[in-house]
Amino acid sequence: MSDTRTPTRTDARTETPTGARTGPSHQVSALFSRGRLTAIPRKPARREQLLVHLAETLFEPGRSYTEPEVNEALRTVHDDCSALRRYLVVGGMLTRTRDGAAYHRVA
């Protein structure tokens, strides 16, 4: 009797067997080790998934944050809080007043 099973291939982008469902939450969780972000993704799509996750988990909608409060929240996951803050603003997940005094999560 011959073996008709097909070998399992791995998709290099998600490091899971092809055909397996990997939603954004799985892909984002792969970026963390012991609650800390291991690196800020270079690929825009992957970085956007991370930023959405950070905005939803670290910032409340409707609340105003000062820059030091934003930095403190972001430092809980990664030391380069200024890069993450900039990505969040440029990506449209956080808005900032012209003078930089207040930040708000975009709903």
Protein backbone atom coordinates (compact mmCIF):
# COMPACT_ATOMS: atom_id res chain seq x y z
CA MET A 1 0.00 0.00 0.00
CA SER A 2 1.44 3.40 -0.93
CA ASP A 3 1.40 6.42 1.30
CA THR A 4 -0.96 8.98 -0.27
CA ARG A 5 -0.55 11.66 2.35
CA THR A 6 0.94 14.89 1.13
CA PRO A 7 3.89 16.28 3.02
CA THR A 8 3.22 19.27 5.22
CA ARG A 9 4.75 22.42 3.81
CA THR A 10 5.57 25.42 5.92
CA ASP A 11 4.67 28.91 4.83
CA ALA A 12 7.76 31.00 5.62
CA ARG A 13 5.69 34.11 6.28
CA THR A 14 3.73 32.61 9.16
CA GLU A 15 5.87 29.59 10.06
CA THR A 16 2.80 27.39 10.21
CA PRO A 17 1.70 24.57 7.93
CA THR A 18 0.11 25.93 4.76
CA GLY A 19 -3.62 25.81 4.88
CA ALA A 20 -3.65 26.44 8.64
CA ARG A 21 -5.52 29.55 9.65
CA THR A 22 -3.37 32.22 11.21
CA GLY A 23 -5.28 35.34 12.09
CA PRO A 24 -3.76 38.65 13.01
CA SER A 25 -3.84 37.83 16.73
CA HIS A 26 -1.63 34.77 16.19
CA GLN A 27 0.75 36.72 13.99
CA VAL A 28 0.94 39.56 16.52
CA SER A 29 1.51 37.22 19.45
CA ALA A 30 4.46 35.73 17.57
CA LEU A 31 6.16 39.14 17.80
CA PHE A 32 6.25 38.98 21.61
CA SER A 33 8.39 37.03 24.03
CA ARG A 34 7.56 37.12 27.74
CA GLY A 35 5.24 40.07 27.21
CA ARG A 36 7.84 42.17 25.39
CA LEU A 37 7.96 43.04 21.72
CA THR A 38 11.08 41.40 20.29
CA ALA A 39 11.35 43.76 17.27
CA ILE A 40 9.27 46.29 15.38
CA PRO A 41 8.30 44.62 12.10
CA ARG A 42 9.76 46.12 8.92
CA LYS A 43 6.98 44.92 6.66
CA PRO A 44 4.19 47.53 6.64
CA ALA A 45 1.31 45.03 6.80
CA ARG A 46 2.79 43.19 9.77
CA ARG A 47 3.65 46.48 11.49
CA GLU A 48 0.08 47.70 10.99
CA GLN A 49 -1.27 44.55 12.67
CA LEU A 50 1.03 45.23 15.61
CA LEU A 51 0.00 48.89 15.83
CA VAL A 52 -3.70 48.06 15.80
CA HIS A 53 -3.07 45.57 18.60
CA LEU A 54 -1.09 48.12 20.64
CA ALA A 55 -3.68 50.85 20.16
CA GLU A 56 -6.51 48.54 21.22
CA THR A 57 -4.73 47.07 24.24
CA LEU A 58 -2.82 50.05 25.61
CA PHE A 59 -5.11 53.03 24.96
CA GLU A 60 -8.76 53.68 25.81
CA PRO A 61 -11.00 55.37 23.24
CA GLY A 62 -12.20 58.81 24.27
CA ARG A 63 -9.40 59.39 26.76
CA SER A 64 -6.74 62.07 26.37
CA TYR A 65 -3.10 61.07 26.99
CA THR A 66 -0.04 63.23 27.49
CA GLU A 67 3.14 62.32 25.62
CA PRO A 68 4.76 60.96 28.82
CA GLU A 69 1.69 58.75 29.40
CA VAL A 70 1.88 57.42 25.84
CA ASN A 71 5.61 56.75 26.27
CA GLU A 72 5.05 54.97 29.58
CA ALA A 73 2.38 52.71 28.07
CA LEU A 74 4.56 51.87 25.06
CA ARG A 75 7.64 51.19 27.22
CA THR A 76 5.72 48.34 28.82
CA VAL A 77 6.20 46.43 25.55
CA HIS A 78 9.33 47.96 23.91
CA ASP A 79 12.11 50.38 24.79
CA ASP A 80 11.84 52.41 21.56
CA CYS A 81 8.64 54.17 22.57
CA SER A 82 9.30 57.15 20.29
CA ALA A 83 9.35 54.96 17.16
CA LEU A 84 6.17 53.17 18.21
CA ARG A 85 4.48 56.48 19.05
CA ARG A 86 5.45 57.92 15.67
CA TYR A 87 4.19 54.80 13.84
CA LEU A 88 0.89 54.97 15.75
CA VAL A 89 0.36 58.61 14.77
CA VAL A 90 1.47 58.22 11.14
CA GLY A 91 -0.60 55.03 10.86
CA GLY A 92 -3.70 56.83 12.10
CA MET A 93 -4.22 54.76 15.26
CA LEU A 94 -3.50 57.75 17.53
CA THR A 95 -4.14 61.42 16.83
CA ARG A 96 -2.06 64.21 18.27
CA THR A 97 -2.77 67.88 18.84
CA ARG A 98 -0.64 70.31 16.85
CA ASP A 99 1.46 71.16 19.88
CA GLY A 100 1.91 67.48 20.80
CA ALA A 101 0.37 68.05 24.22
CA ALA A 102 -2.44 65.49 23.87
CA TYR A 103 -2.91 62.13 22.14
CA HIS A 104 -6.17 60.27 21.53
CA ARG A 105 -6.89 56.76 20.30
CA VAL A 106 -8.84 56.71 17.07
CA ALA A 107 -12.00 54.65 17.58
